[in-house]
PDB file of N, CA and C in Angstrom:
ATOM      1  N   UNK A   1       1.107  -8.935  28.897  1.00  0.00           N
ATOM      2  CA  UNK A   1       0.298  -9.097  28.070  1.00  0.00           C
ATOM      3  C   UNK A   1      -1.125  -9.675  28.485  1.00  0.00           C
ATOM      4  N   UNK A   2      -2.117  -9.404  27.675  1.00  0.00           N
ATOM      5  CA  UNK A   2      -3.770 -10.090  28.440  1.00  0.00           C
ATOM      6  C   UNK A   2      -4.515 -10.096  27.458  1.00  0.00           C
ATOM      7  N   UNK A   3      -5.699 -10.587  27.240  1.00  0.00           N
ATOM      8  CA  UNK A   3      -6.455 -10.010  26.670  1.00  0.00           C
ATOM      9  C   UNK A   3      -7.331  -8.856  26.599  1.00  0.00           C
ATOM     10  N   UNK A   4      -7.164  -8.178  27.728  1.00  0.00           N
ATOM     11  CA  UNK A   4      -7.491  -6.560  27.407  1.00  0.00           C
ATOM     12  C   UNK A   4      -6.419  -6.044  26.465  1.00  0.00           C
ATOM     13  N   UNK A   5      -5.043  -6.489  26.378  1.00  0.00           N
ATOM     14  CA  UNK A   5      -4.337  -5.279  25.540  1.00  0.00           C
ATOM     15  C   UNK A   5      -3.739  -6.013  24.611  1.00  0.00           C
ATOM     16  N   UNK A   6      -4.395  -7.069  23.937  1.00  0.00           N
ATOM     17  CA  UNK A   6      -3.550  -8.186  22.784  1.00  0.00           C
ATOM     18  C   UNK A   6      -4.354  -7.663  21.994  1.00  0.00           C
ATOM     19  N   UNK A   7      -5.454  -6.438  21.148  1.00  0.00           N
ATOM     20  CA  UNK A   7      -6.088  -6.428  20.182  1.00  0.00           C
ATOM     21  C   UNK A   7      -5.036  -5.144  19.378  1.00  0.00           C
ATOM     22  N   UNK A   8      -4.948  -5.334  17.650  1.00  0.00           N
ATOM     23  CA  UNK A   8      -4.049  -4.440  17.385  1.00  0.00           C
ATOM     24  C   UNK A   8      -4.885  -3.882  16.567  1.00  0.00           C
ATOM     25  N   UNK A   9      -6.182  -3.912  15.852  1.00  0.00           N
ATOM     26  CA  UNK A   9      -7.148  -3.055  15.661  1.00  0.00           C
ATOM     27  C   UNK A   9      -8.387  -4.124  15.634  1.00  0.00           C
ATOM     28  N   UNK A  10      -9.547  -3.087  15.153  1.00  0.00           N
ATOM     29  CA  UNK A  10     -11.326  -3.579  15.355  1.00  0.00           C
ATOM     30  C   UNK A  10     -11.586  -3.075  14.117  1.00  0.00           C
ATOM     31  N   UNK A  11     -11.710  -3.942  12.847  1.00  0.00           N
ATOM     32  CA  UNK A  11     -12.634  -3.411  11.812  1.00  0.00           C
ATOM     33  C   UNK A  11     -14.020  -4.026  11.472  1.00  0.00           C
ATOM     34  N   UNK A  12     -14.364  -3.688  10.498  1.00  0.00           N
ATOM     35  CA  UNK A  12     -15.919  -3.877   9.966  1.00  0.00           C
ATOM     36  C   UNK A  12     -15.634  -5.294  10.660  1.00  0.00           C
ATOM     37  N   UNK A  13     -14.746  -6.058   9.405  1.00  0.00           N
ATOM     38  CA  UNK A  13     -14.700  -7.637   9.393  1.00  0.00           C
ATOM     39  C   UNK A  13     -14.339  -8.441  10.272  1.00  0.00           C
ATOM     40  N   UNK A  14     -13.132  -8.352  10.837  1.00  0.00           N
ATOM     41  CA  UNK A  14     -12.513  -8.521  11.849  1.00  0.00           C
ATOM     42  C   UNK A  14     -11.370  -8.248  13.166  1.00  0.00           C
ATOM     43  N   UNK A  15     -11.199  -8.811  13.551  1.00  0.00           N
ATOM     44  CA  UNK A  15     -10.867  -7.561  14.927  1.00  0.00           C
ATOM     45  C   UNK A  15      -9.390  -8.713  14.473  1.00  0.00           C
ATOM     46  N   UNK A  16      -8.126  -7.936  14.711  1.00  0.00           N
ATOM     47  CA  UNK A  16      -6.951  -8.476  14.769  1.00  0.00           C
ATOM     48  C   UNK A  16      -6.164  -8.135  16.141  1.00  0.00           C
ATOM     49  N   UNK A  17      -5.778  -9.456  16.648  1.00  0.00           N
ATOM     50  CA  UNK A  17      -5.148  -9.089  18.092  1.00  0.00           C
ATOM     51  C   UNK A  17      -3.090 -10.166  17.590  1.00  0.00           C
ATOM     52  N   UNK A  18      -2.674  -9.378  19.005  1.00  0.00           N
ATOM     53  CA  UNK A  18      -1.701 -10.140  19.406  1.00  0.00           C
ATOM     54  C   UNK A  18      -1.693 -11.531  19.697  1.00  0.00           C
ATOM     55  N   UNK A  19      -1.074 -12.964  19.399  1.00  0.00           N
ATOM     56  CA  UNK A  19      -1.091 -13.744  20.350  1.00  0.00           C
ATOM     57  C   UNK A  19       0.037 -14.023  21.585  1.00  0.00           C
ATOM     58  N   UNK A  20      -0.189 -13.888  22.637  1.00  0.00           N
ATOM     59  CA  UNK A  20       0.774 -14.017  23.762  1.00  0.00           C
ATOM     60  C   UNK A  20       0.456 -14.885  24.665  1.00  0.00           C
ATOM     61  N   UNK A  21       1.276 -15.603  25.000  1.00  0.00           N
ATOM     62  CA  UNK A  21       1.591 -17.020  25.999  1.00  0.00           C
ATOM     63  C   UNK A  21       0.672 -16.688  27.367  1.00  0.00           C
ATOM     64  N   UNK A  22       0.854 -18.188  27.891  1.00  0.00           N
ATOM     65  CA  UNK A  22      -0.196 -17.712  29.153  1.00  0.00           C
ATOM     66  C   UNK A  22       0.515 -17.009  30.011  1.00  0.00           C
ATOM     67  N   UNK A  23       2.431 -16.470  29.652  1.00  0.00           N
ATOM     68  CA  UNK A  23       3.107 -16.573  31.032  1.00  0.00           C
ATOM     69  C   UNK A  23       3.018 -14.182  30.650  1.00  0.00           C
ATOM     70  N   UNK A  24       1.855 -13.982  29.343  1.00  0.00           N
ATOM     71  CA  UNK A  24       2.126 -12.665  29.350  1.00  0.00           C
ATOM     72  C   UNK A  24       2.576 -12.262  27.583  1.00  0.00           C
ATOM     73  N   UNK A  25       3.677 -13.103  27.060  1.00  0.00           N
ATOM     74  CA  UNK A  25       4.765 -13.130  26.811  1.00  0.00           C
ATOM     75  C   UNK A  25       4.014 -13.165  24.694  1.00  0.00           C
ATOM     76  N   UNK A  26       4.359 -12.158  23.890  1.00  0.00           N
ATOM     77  CA  UNK A  26       3.964 -12.305  22.756  1.00  0.00           C
ATOM     78  C   UNK A  26       5.356 -11.841  21.635  1.00  0.00           C
ATOM     79  N   UNK A  27       6.013 -12.831  21.272  1.00  0.00           N
ATOM     80  CA  UNK A  27       6.670 -13.006  20.375  1.00  0.00           C
ATOM     81  C   UNK A  27       6.228 -12.021  19.090  1.00  0.00           C
ATOM     82  N   UNK A  28       5.290 -11.987  18.711  1.00  0.00           N
ATOM     83  CA  UNK A  28       4.631 -11.174  17.368  1.00  0.00           C
ATOM     84  C   UNK A  28       5.028  -9.837  17.991  1.00  0.00           C
ATOM     85  N   UNK A  29       4.893  -9.130  18.833  1.00  0.00           N
ATOM     86  CA  UNK A  29       4.430  -7.725  19.704  1.00  0.00           C
ATOM     87  C   UNK A  29       5.883  -7.685  19.698  1.00  0.00           C
ATOM     88  N   UNK A  30       6.437  -8.066  20.343  1.00  0.00           N
ATOM     89  CA  UNK A  30       8.041  -8.307  20.575  1.00  0.00           C
ATOM     90  C   UNK A  30       9.020  -7.757  19.757  1.00  0.00           C
ATOM     91  N   UNK A  31       8.795  -8.005  18.768  1.00  0.00           N
ATOM     92  CA  UNK A  31       8.880  -8.115  17.004  1.00  0.00           C
ATOM     93  C   UNK A  31       8.968  -6.823  16.690  1.00  0.00           C
ATOM     94  N   UNK A  32       7.745  -6.495  16.151  1.00  0.00           N
ATOM     95  CA  UNK A  32       6.982  -4.971  15.825  1.00  0.00           C
ATOM     96  C   UNK A  32       7.562  -4.161  17.000  1.00  0.00           C
ATOM     97  N   UNK A  33       7.705  -4.580  18.151  1.00  0.00           N
ATOM     98  CA  UNK A  33       8.530  -3.196  18.764  1.00  0.00           C
ATOM     99  C   UNK A  33       9.644  -2.881  18.665  1.00  0.00           C
ATOM    100  N   UNK A  34      10.456  -3.176  17.938  1.00  0.00           N
ATOM    101  CA  UNK A  34      11.614  -3.494  17.258  1.00  0.00           C
ATOM    102  C   UNK A  34      11.668  -2.876  15.945  1.00  0.00           C
ATOM    103  N   UNK A  35      11.125  -2.736  15.103  1.00  0.00           N
ATOM    104  CA  UNK A  35      10.729  -2.537  13.971  1.00  0.00           C
ATOM    105  C   UNK A  35      10.846  -1.009  13.862  1.00  0.00           C
ATOM    106  N   UNK A  36      11.049  -0.247  12.893  1.00  0.00           N
ATOM    107  CA  UNK A  36      11.228   1.078  12.473  1.00  0.00           C
ATOM    108  C   UNK A  36       9.953   1.294  12.261  1.00  0.00           C
ATOM    109  N   UNK A  37       9.592   2.583  12.237  1.00  0.00           N
ATOM    110  CA  UNK A  37       8.446   3.627  12.553  1.00  0.00           C
ATOM    111  C   UNK A  37       7.870   3.192  10.834  1.00  0.00           C
ATOM    112  N   UNK A  38       8.072   3.124   9.774  1.00  0.00           N
ATOM    113  CA  UNK A  38       8.126   3.051   8.916  1.00  0.00           C
ATOM    114  C   UNK A  38       7.535   1.556   8.495  1.00  0.00           C
ATOM    115  N   UNK A  39       8.315   0.437   9.057  1.00  0.00           N
ATOM    116  CA  UNK A  39       8.073  -0.889   9.108  1.00  0.00           C
ATOM    117  C   UNK A  39       6.286  -0.893   9.959  1.00  0.00           C
ATOM    118  N   UNK A  40       6.712  -0.701  11.046  1.00  0.00           N
ATOM    119  CA  UNK A  40       5.452  -0.756  11.478  1.00  0.00           C
ATOM    120  C   UNK A  40       3.973  -0.169  10.607  1.00  0.00           C
ATOM    121  N   UNK A  41       4.073   0.727  10.257  1.00  0.00           N
ATOM    122  CA  UNK A  41       3.167   1.289   9.693  1.00  0.00           C
ATOM    123  C   UNK A  41       2.720   0.828   8.216  1.00  0.00           C
ATOM    124  N   UNK A  42       3.996   0.199   7.859  1.00  0.00           N
ATOM    125  CA  UNK A  42       3.172  -0.706   6.753  1.00  0.00           C
ATOM    126  C   UNK A  42       2.534  -2.145   7.418  1.00  0.00           C
ATOM    127  N   UNK A  43       3.032  -2.719   8.070  1.00  0.00           N
ATOM    128  CA  UNK A  43       2.237  -3.592   8.574  1.00  0.00           C
ATOM    129  C   UNK A  43       0.870  -3.397   9.535  1.00  0.00           C
ATOM    130  N   UNK A  44       0.563  -2.114   9.813  1.00  0.00           N
ATOM    131  CA  UNK A  44      -0.607  -1.607  10.299  1.00  0.00           C
ATOM    132  C   UNK A  44      -1.577  -1.240   9.198  1.00  0.00           C
ATOM    133  N   UNK A  45      -1.051  -0.982   8.110  1.00  0.00           N
ATOM    134  CA  UNK A  45      -1.878  -0.867   7.142  1.00  0.00           C
ATOM    135  C   UNK A  45      -2.272  -2.199   6.604  1.00  0.00           C
ATOM    136  N   UNK A  46      -1.790  -2.658   6.459  1.00  0.00           N
ATOM    137  CA  UNK A  46      -2.332  -4.368   6.488  1.00  0.00           C
ATOM    138  C   UNK A  46      -3.205  -4.524   6.799  1.00  0.00           C
ATOM    139  N   UNK A  47      -2.888  -4.446   8.312  1.00  0.00           N
ATOM    140  CA  UNK A  47      -3.975  -5.030   9.535  1.00  0.00           C
ATOM    141  C   UNK A  47      -5.357  -4.170   9.176  1.00  0.00           C
ATOM    142  N   UNK A  48      -4.963  -3.080   9.196  1.00  0.00           N
ATOM    143  CA  UNK A  48      -6.461  -2.316   8.909  1.00  0.00           C
ATOM    144  C   UNK A  48      -7.339  -2.529   7.308  1.00  0.00           C
ATOM    145  N   UNK A  49      -6.554  -2.536   6.661  1.00  0.00           N
ATOM    146  CA  UNK A  49      -7.004  -2.810   5.413  1.00  0.00           C
ATOM    147  C   UNK A  49      -7.896  -4.849   5.161  1.00  0.00           C
ATOM    148  N   UNK A  50      -7.341  -5.653   5.855  1.00  0.00           N
ATOM    149  CA  UNK A  50      -7.818  -6.951   6.202  1.00  0.00           C
ATOM    150  C   UNK A  50      -9.013  -6.638   7.082  1.00  0.00           C
ATOM    151  N   UNK A  51      -8.901  -6.049   8.491  1.00  0.00           N
ATOM    152  CA  UNK A  51     -10.080  -6.041   9.169  1.00  0.00           C
ATOM    153  C   UNK A  51     -11.399  -5.303   8.650  1.00  0.00           C
ATOM    154  N   UNK A  52     -10.766  -4.241   7.835  1.00  0.00           N
ATOM    155  CA  UNK A  52     -11.827  -3.200   7.614  1.00  0.00           C
ATOM    156  C   UNK A  52     -12.536  -3.987   6.287  1.00  0.00           C
ATOM    157  N   UNK A  53     -11.854  -4.545   5.255  1.00  0.00           N
ATOM    158  CA  UNK A  53     -12.529  -5.178   4.246  1.00  0.00           C
ATOM    159  C   UNK A  53     -12.751  -6.783   3.760  1.00  0.00           C
ATOM    160  N   UNK A  54     -12.043  -7.110   4.476  1.00  0.00           N
ATOM    161  CA  UNK A  54     -12.215  -8.722   5.529  1.00  0.00           C
ATOM    162  C   UNK A  54     -11.237  -9.491   4.089  1.00  0.00           C
ATOM    163  N   UNK A  55     -10.464  -9.045   2.885  1.00  0.00           N
ATOM    164  CA  UNK A  55      -9.441  -9.380   2.373  1.00  0.00           C
ATOM    165  C   UNK A  55      -8.292  -8.720   1.803  1.00  0.00           C
ATOM    166  N   UNK A  56      -7.073  -9.023   1.616  1.00  0.00           N
ATOM    167  CA  UNK A  56      -6.463  -8.684   0.540  1.00  0.00           C
ATOM    168  C   UNK A  56      -6.337  -9.055  -0.689  1.00  0.00           C
ATOM    169  N   UNK A  57      -6.361  -8.528  -1.755  1.00  0.00           N
ATOM    170  CA  UNK A  57      -6.260  -9.391  -3.028  1.00  0.00           C
ATOM    171  C   UNK A  57      -4.686  -9.342  -3.563  1.00  0.00           C
ATOM    172  N   UNK A  58      -3.997  -8.838  -3.187  1.00  0.00           N
ATOM    173  CA  UNK A  58      -2.384  -8.901  -3.107  1.00  0.00           C
ATOM    174  C   UNK A  58      -1.352  -9.933  -2.397  1.00  0.00           C
ATOM    175  N   UNK A  59      -1.186 -11.009  -3.232  1.00  0.00           N
ATOM    176  CA  UNK A  59      -0.446 -12.226  -2.313  1.00  0.00           C
ATOM    177  C   UNK A  59       0.926 -11.651  -2.359  1.00  0.00           C
ATOM    178  N   UNK A  60       1.180 -10.344  -2.769  1.00  0.00           N
ATOM    179  CA  UNK A  60       2.925 -10.005  -2.289  1.00  0.00           C
ATOM    180  C   UNK A  60       2.816  -9.262  -1.044  1.00  0.00           C
ATOM    181  N   UNK A  61       1.471  -9.017  -0.350  1.00  0.00           N
ATOM    182  CA  UNK A  61       0.943  -8.537   0.771  1.00  0.00           C
ATOM    183  C   UNK A  61       0.772  -9.281   1.858  1.00  0.00           C
ATOM    184  N   UNK A  62      -0.444 -10.278   1.573  1.00  0.00           N
ATOM    185  CA  UNK A  62      -1.188 -11.525   2.021  1.00  0.00           C
ATOM    186  C   UNK A  62      -1.068 -12.907   1.424  1.00  0.00           C
ATOM    187  N   UNK A  63      -1.213 -13.791   2.282  1.00  0.00           N
ATOM    188  CA  UNK A  63      -1.012 -14.503   1.308  1.00  0.00           C
ATOM    189  C   UNK A  63      -1.176 -16.215   2.567  1.00  0.00           C
ATOM    190  N   UNK A  64      -1.994 -17.036   1.809  1.00  0.00           N
ATOM    191  CA  UNK A  64      -2.104 -18.428   2.628  1.00  0.00           C
ATOM    192  C   UNK A  64      -0.755 -19.194   2.447  1.00  0.00           C
ATOM    193  N   UNK A  65       0.085 -19.594   3.915  1.00  0.00           N
ATOM    194  CA  UNK A  65       1.129 -19.998   3.612  1.00  0.00           C
ATOM    195  C   UNK A  65       1.209 -21.973   3.851  1.00  0.00           C
ATOM    196  N   UNK A  66      -0.510 -21.921   3.771  1.00  0.00           N
ATOM    197  CA  UNK A  66      -0.821 -23.916   3.890  1.00  0.00           C
ATOM    198  C   UNK A  66      -0.934 -24.235   5.388  1.00  0.00           C
ATOM    199  N   UNK A  67      -1.523 -25.144   5.637  1.00  0.00           N
ATOM    200  CA  UNK A  67      -2.165 -25.535   6.829  1.00  0.00           C
ATOM    201  C   UNK A  67      -2.928 -24.278   7.630  1.00  0.00           C
ATOM    202  N   UNK A  68      -3.541 -23.313   6.927  1.00  0.00           N
ATOM    203  CA  UNK A  68      -4.334 -22.273   7.763  1.00  0.00           C
ATOM    204  C   UNK A  68      -3.644 -21.489   8.299  1.00  0.00           C
ATOM    205  N   UNK A  69      -2.435 -21.285   8.005  1.00  0.00           N
ATOM    206  CA  UNK A  69      -1.552 -19.777   8.376  1.00  0.00           C
ATOM    207  C   UNK A  69      -1.244 -19.084   6.917  1.00  0.00           C
ATOM    208  N   UNK A  70      -1.338 -17.722   7.654  1.00  0.00           N
ATOM    209  CA  UNK A  70      -1.604 -16.545   6.996  1.00  0.00           C
ATOM    210  C   UNK A  70      -0.036 -15.670   7.043  1.00  0.00           C
ATOM    211  N   UNK A  71       0.187 -15.052   5.883  1.00  0.00           N
ATOM    212  CA  UNK A  71       1.230 -14.202   5.968  1.00  0.00           C
ATOM    213  C   UNK A  71       1.043 -12.753   5.860  1.00  0.00           C
ATOM    214  N   UNK A  72       0.959 -11.669   6.938  1.00  0.00           N
ATOM    215  CA  UNK A  72       1.217 -10.441   6.213  1.00  0.00           C
ATOM    216  C   UNK A  72       2.292 -10.066   6.191  1.00  0.00           C
ATOM    217  N   UNK A  73       2.757  -9.172   4.637  1.00  0.00           N
ATOM    218  CA  UNK A  73       4.026  -9.639   4.168  1.00  0.00           C
ATOM    219  C   UNK A  73       4.556  -7.949   3.799  1.00  0.00           C
ATOM    220  N   UNK A  74       4.499  -7.423   4.751  1.00  0.00           N
ATOM    221  CA  UNK A  74       5.483  -5.465   4.911  1.00  0.00           C
ATOM    222  C   UNK A  74       6.885  -6.039   4.821  1.00  0.00           C
ATOM    223  N   UNK A  75       6.750  -5.878   3.682  1.00  0.00           N
ATOM    224  CA  UNK A  75       8.921  -5.924   3.109  1.00  0.00           C
ATOM    225  C   UNK A  75       9.739  -5.394   3.795  1.00  0.00           C
ATOM    226  N   UNK A  76      10.710  -5.757   4.649  1.00  0.00           N
ATOM    227  CA  UNK A  76      11.089  -7.351   4.262  1.00  0.00           C
ATOM    228  C   UNK A  76      10.839  -8.076   5.752  1.00  0.00           C
ATOM    229  N   UNK A  77       9.471  -7.850   6.423  1.00  0.00           N
ATOM    230  CA  UNK A  77       9.012  -8.315   7.425  1.00  0.00           C
ATOM    231  C   UNK A  77       8.044  -9.147   6.969  1.00  0.00           C
ATOM    232  N   UNK A  78       7.706 -10.205   7.782  1.00  0.00           N
ATOM    233  CA  UNK A  78       6.561 -11.384   7.965  1.00  0.00           C
ATOM    234  C   UNK A  78       6.204 -10.998   9.480  1.00  0.00           C
ATOM    235  N   UNK A  79       5.028 -11.308   9.234  1.00  0.00           N
ATOM    236  CA  UNK A  79       4.318 -11.692  10.312  1.00  0.00           C
ATOM    237  C   UNK A  79       2.967 -12.976  10.169  1.00  0.00           C
ATOM    238  N   UNK A  80       3.201 -14.071  10.782  1.00  0.00           N
ATOM    239  CA  UNK A  80       2.126 -15.029  10.850  1.00  0.00           C
ATOM    240  C   UNK A  80       1.140 -14.822  11.610  1.00  0.00           C
ATOM    241  N   UNK A  81      -0.121 -15.577  10.801  1.00  0.00           N
ATOM    242  CA  UNK A  81      -1.482 -15.352  11.462  1.00  0.00           C
ATOM    243  C   UNK A  81      -2.176 -16.570  11.298  1.00  0.00           C
ATOM    244  N   UNK A  82      -3.562 -16.181  12.172  1.00  0.00           N
ATOM    245  CA  UNK A  82      -4.027 -17.784  11.873  1.00  0.00           C
ATOM    246  C   UNK A  82      -6.281 -17.120  12.018  1.00  0.00           C
ATOM    247  N   UNK A  83      -7.004 -17.941  11.194  1.00  0.00           N
ATOM    248  CA  UNK A  83      -7.992 -17.110  11.686  1.00  0.00           C
ATOM    249  C   UNK A  83      -8.960 -17.515  12.659  1.00  0.00           C
ATOM    250  N   UNK A  84      -9.867 -16.928  13.394  1.00  0.00           N
ATOM    251  CA  UNK A  84     -10.648 -17.929  14.291  1.00  0.00           C
ATOM    252  C   UNK A  84     -12.002 -17.700  14.245  1.00  0.00           C
ATOM    253  N   UNK A  85     -12.788 -18.342  14.357  1.00  0.00           N
ATOM    254  CA  UNK A  85     -14.220 -18.526  14.345  1.00  0.00           C
ATOM    255  C   UNK A  85     -14.524 -17.309  15.207  1.00  0.00           C
ATOM    256  N   UNK A  86     -15.191 -16.446  14.672  1.00  0.00           N
ATOM    257  CA  UNK A  86     -16.085 -15.394  15.279  1.00  0.00           C
ATOM    258  C   UNK A  86     -14.895 -13.669  15.106  1.00  0.00           C
ATOM    259  N   UNK A  87     -14.525 -14.350  13.473  1.00  0.00           N
ATOM    260  CA  UNK A  87     -14.467 -13.364  13.073  1.00  0.00           C
ATOM    261  C   UNK A  87     -12.868 -12.331  13.665  1.00  0.00           C
ATOM    262  N   UNK A  88     -11.951 -13.344  13.933  1.00  0.00           N
ATOM    263  CA  UNK A  88     -10.594 -12.521  14.303  1.00  0.00           C
ATOM    264  C   UNK A  88      -9.685 -13.308  13.669  1.00  0.00           C
ATOM    265  N   UNK A  89      -8.314 -12.748  14.208  1.00  0.00           N
ATOM    266  CA  UNK A  89      -6.968 -12.799  13.543  1.00  0.00           C
ATOM    267  C   UNK A  89      -6.410 -13.070  14.143  1.00  0.00           C
ATOM    268  N   UNK A  90      -5.571 -13.588  14.221  1.00  0.00           N
ATOM    269  CA  UNK A  90      -4.889 -13.672  15.840  1.00  0.00           C
ATOM    270  C   UNK A  90      -3.078 -13.927  15.150  1.00  0.00           C
ATOM    271  N   UNK A  91      -2.019 -12.800  15.250  1.00  0.00           N
ATOM    272  CA  UNK A  91      -1.047 -12.494  14.548  1.00  0.00           C
ATOM    273  C   UNK A  91       0.228 -13.486  15.625  1.00  0.00           C
ATOM    274  N   UNK A  92       0.478 -14.058  15.521  1.00  0.00           N
ATOM    275  CA  UNK A  92       1.465 -15.419  16.092  1.00  0.00           C
ATOM    276  C   UNK A  92       2.706 -15.035  16.296  1.00  0.00           C
ATOM    277  N   UNK A  93       3.702 -14.840  15.253  1.00  0.00           N
ATOM    278  CA  UNK A  93       5.017 -14.475  15.534  1.00  0.00           C
ATOM    279  C   UNK A  93       5.250 -13.227  14.057  1.00  0.00           C
ATOM    280  N   UNK A  94       6.576 -12.655  14.338  1.00  0.00           N
ATOM    281  CA  UNK A  94       6.683 -11.775  13.409  1.00  0.00           C
ATOM    282  C   UNK A  94       8.492 -12.178  13.035  1.00  0.00           C
ATOM    283  N   UNK A  95       8.917 -11.838  11.998  1.00  0.00           N
ATOM    284  CA  UNK A  95      10.339 -11.695  11.659  1.00  0.00           C
ATOM    285  C   UNK A  95      10.613 -11.369  10.230  1.00  0.00           C
ATOM    286  N   UNK A  96      12.128 -11.183  10.193  1.00  0.00           N
ATOM    287  CA  UNK A  96      12.205 -10.134   8.892  1.00  0.00           C
ATOM    288  C   UNK A  96      12.768 -11.065   8.090  1.00  0.00           C
ATOM    289  N   UNK A  97      12.308 -11.258   7.145  1.00  0.00           N
ATOM    290  CA  UNK A  97      12.530 -12.394   5.960  1.00  0.00           C
ATOM    291  C   UNK A  97      13.807 -12.631   4.915  1.00  0.00           C
ATOM    292  N   UNK A  98      14.752 -13.339   5.116  1.00  0.00           N
ATOM    293  CA  UNK A  98      15.964 -13.390   4.445  1.00  0.00           C
ATOM    294  C   UNK A  98      15.928 -14.040   3.549  1.00  0.00           C
ATOM    295  N   UNK A  99      15.281 -14.958   3.224  1.00  0.00           N
ATOM    296  CA  UNK A  99      15.290 -15.782   1.949  1.00  0.00           C
ATOM    297  C   UNK A  99      14.082 -15.754   1.192  1.00  0.00           C
ATOM    298  N   UNK A 100      13.784 -16.344   0.404  1.00  0.00           N
ATOM    299  CA  UNK A 100      13.009 -16.527  -0.725  1.00  0.00           C
ATOM    300  C   UNK A 100      11.786 -17.012  -0.001  1.00  0.00           C
ATOM    301  N   UNK A 101      12.216 -18.428   0.342  1.00  0.00           N
ATOM    302  CA  UNK A 101      11.226 -19.235   1.394  1.00  0.00           C
ATOM    303  C   UNK A 101      10.797 -19.354   2.764  1.00  0.00           C
ATOM    304  N   UNK A 102       9.517 -19.571   3.024  1.00  0.00           N
ATOM    305  CA  UNK A 102       8.992 -19.451   4.459  1.00  0.00           C
ATOM    306  C   UNK A 102      10.110 -20.518   5.501  1.00  0.00           C
ATOM    307  N   UNK A 103      10.646 -19.613   6.136  1.00  0.00           N
ATOM    308  CA  UNK A 103      11.578 -20.847   7.003  1.00  0.00           C
ATOM    309  C   UNK A 103      10.384 -21.474   7.746  1.00  0.00           C
ATOM    310  N   UNK A 104      10.949 -23.022   8.050  1.00  0.00           N
ATOM    311  CA  UNK A 104      10.198 -24.352   8.956  1.00  0.00           C
ATOM    312  C   UNK A 104       9.858 -23.635   9.800  1.00  0.00           C
ATOM    313  N   UNK A 105      11.123 -23.088  11.014  1.00  0.00           N
ATOM    314  CA  UNK A 105      10.996 -22.721  12.319  1.00  0.00           C
ATOM    315  C   UNK A 105       9.913 -22.206  12.650  1.00  0.00           C
ATOM    316  N   UNK A 106       9.720 -20.757  11.531  1.00  0.00           N
ATOM    317  CA  UNK A 106       8.527 -19.907  11.821  1.00  0.00           C
ATOM    318  C   UNK A 106       7.038 -20.257  11.671  1.00  0.00           C
ATOM    319  N   UNK A 107       7.188 -21.392  10.962  1.00  0.00           N
ATOM    320  CA  UNK A 107       5.826 -21.719  10.404  1.00  0.00           C
ATOM    321  C   UNK A 107       5.476 -22.776  11.857  1.00  0.00           C
ATOM    322  N   UNK A 108       6.726 -23.451  11.766  1.00  0.00           N
ATOM    323  CA  UNK A 108       6.233 -24.417  13.097  1.00  0.00           C
ATOM    324  C   UNK A 108       5.794 -23.809  13.895  1.00  0.00           C
ATOM    325  N   UNK A 109       6.148 -22.615  14.607  1.00  0.00           N
ATOM    326  CA  UNK A 109       6.155 -21.740  15.463  1.00  0.00           C
ATOM    327  C   UNK A 109       4.947 -21.564  15.525  1.00  0.00           C
ATOM    328  N   UNK A 110       4.164 -21.083  14.597  1.00  0.00           N
ATOM    329  CA  UNK A 110       2.693 -20.899  14.376  1.00  0.00           C
ATOM    330  C   UNK A 110       1.783 -21.344  14.366  1.00  0.00           C
ATOM    331  N   UNK A 111       1.975 -22.989  14.095  1.00  0.00           N
ATOM    332  CA  UNK A 111       1.187 -24.206  13.982  1.00  0.00           C
ATOM    333  C   UNK A 111       1.015 -24.218  15.581  1.00  0.00           C
ATOM    334  N   UNK A 112       2.074 -23.979  16.339  1.00  0.00           N
ATOM    335  CA  UNK A 112       2.467 -24.434  17.819  1.00  0.00           C
ATOM    336  C   UNK A 112       1.187 -23.315  18.617  1.00  0.00           C
ATOM    337  N   UNK A 113       1.795 -22.311  18.339  1.00  0.00           N
ATOM    338  CA  UNK A 113       0.758 -21.000  18.719  1.00  0.00           C
ATOM    339  C   UNK A 113      -0.527 -21.118  18.548  1.00  0.00           C
ATOM    340  N   UNK A 114      -1.146 -21.507  17.650  1.00  0.00           N
ATOM    341  CA  UNK A 114      -2.179 -21.939  17.008  1.00  0.00           C
ATOM    342  C   UNK A 114      -2.940 -22.785  18.019  1.00  0.00           C
ATOM    343  N   UNK A 115      -2.173 -23.970  18.113  1.00  0.00           N
ATOM    344  CA  UNK A 115      -2.885 -25.239  18.922  1.00  0.00           C
ATOM    345  C   UNK A 115      -2.732 -24.686  20.246  1.00  0.00           C
ATOM    346  N   UNK A 116      -1.905 -24.128  21.113  1.00  0.00           N
ATOM    347  CA  UNK A 116      -1.666 -23.532  22.445  1.00  0.00           C
ATOM    348  C   UNK A 116      -3.509 -22.589  21.968  1.00  0.00           C
ATOM    349  N   UNK A 117      -3.357 -21.361  21.712  1.00  0.00           N
ATOM    350  CA  UNK A 117      -5.059 -20.677  21.363  1.00  0.00           C
ATOM    351  C   UNK A 117      -5.444 -21.552  21.608  1.00  0.00           C
ATOM    352  N   UNK A 118      -5.983 -22.238  20.738  1.00  0.00           N
ATOM    353  CA  UNK A 118      -7.191 -22.813  20.571  1.00  0.00           C
ATOM    354  C   UNK A 118      -7.352 -24.351  22.293  1.00  0.00           C
ATOM    355  N   UNK A 119      -6.383 -24.489  22.435  1.00  0.00           N
ATOM    356  CA  UNK A 119      -6.690 -25.389  23.471  1.00  0.00           C
ATOM    357  C   UNK A 119      -6.876 -24.249  24.691  1.00  0.00           C
ATOM    358  N   UNK A 120      -6.784 -23.197  24.979  1.00  0.00           N
ATOM    359  CA  UNK A 120      -6.598 -22.746  26.491  1.00  0.00           C
ATOM    360  C   UNK A 120      -8.374 -22.687  26.602  1.00  0.00           C
TER     361      UNK A 120
END
């Protein structure tokens, strides 16, 4: 994966993209590929909504998880992301949520990916 094929959706307010490592690997995209068609659709509906309208008011679907990391929440999956100047949202990692609390390892991974992205 590279910058030419990382775009998930271009809306009126935001462009949403997959984060990818320098070797082209994208954990979030690979996770997305393993989900069912129904789960893919749920995620893409949320991406389209925020990209077109700039906001999702329902915190059961999208919320700030602290440290400027946000979560798309298509049940039972989670996709962590961050905002970038220039109207971009970068989706860093995805996982199936099994507990009530956001796993620390997933948030740390999102923070690491954000740092890598911003330092490139």
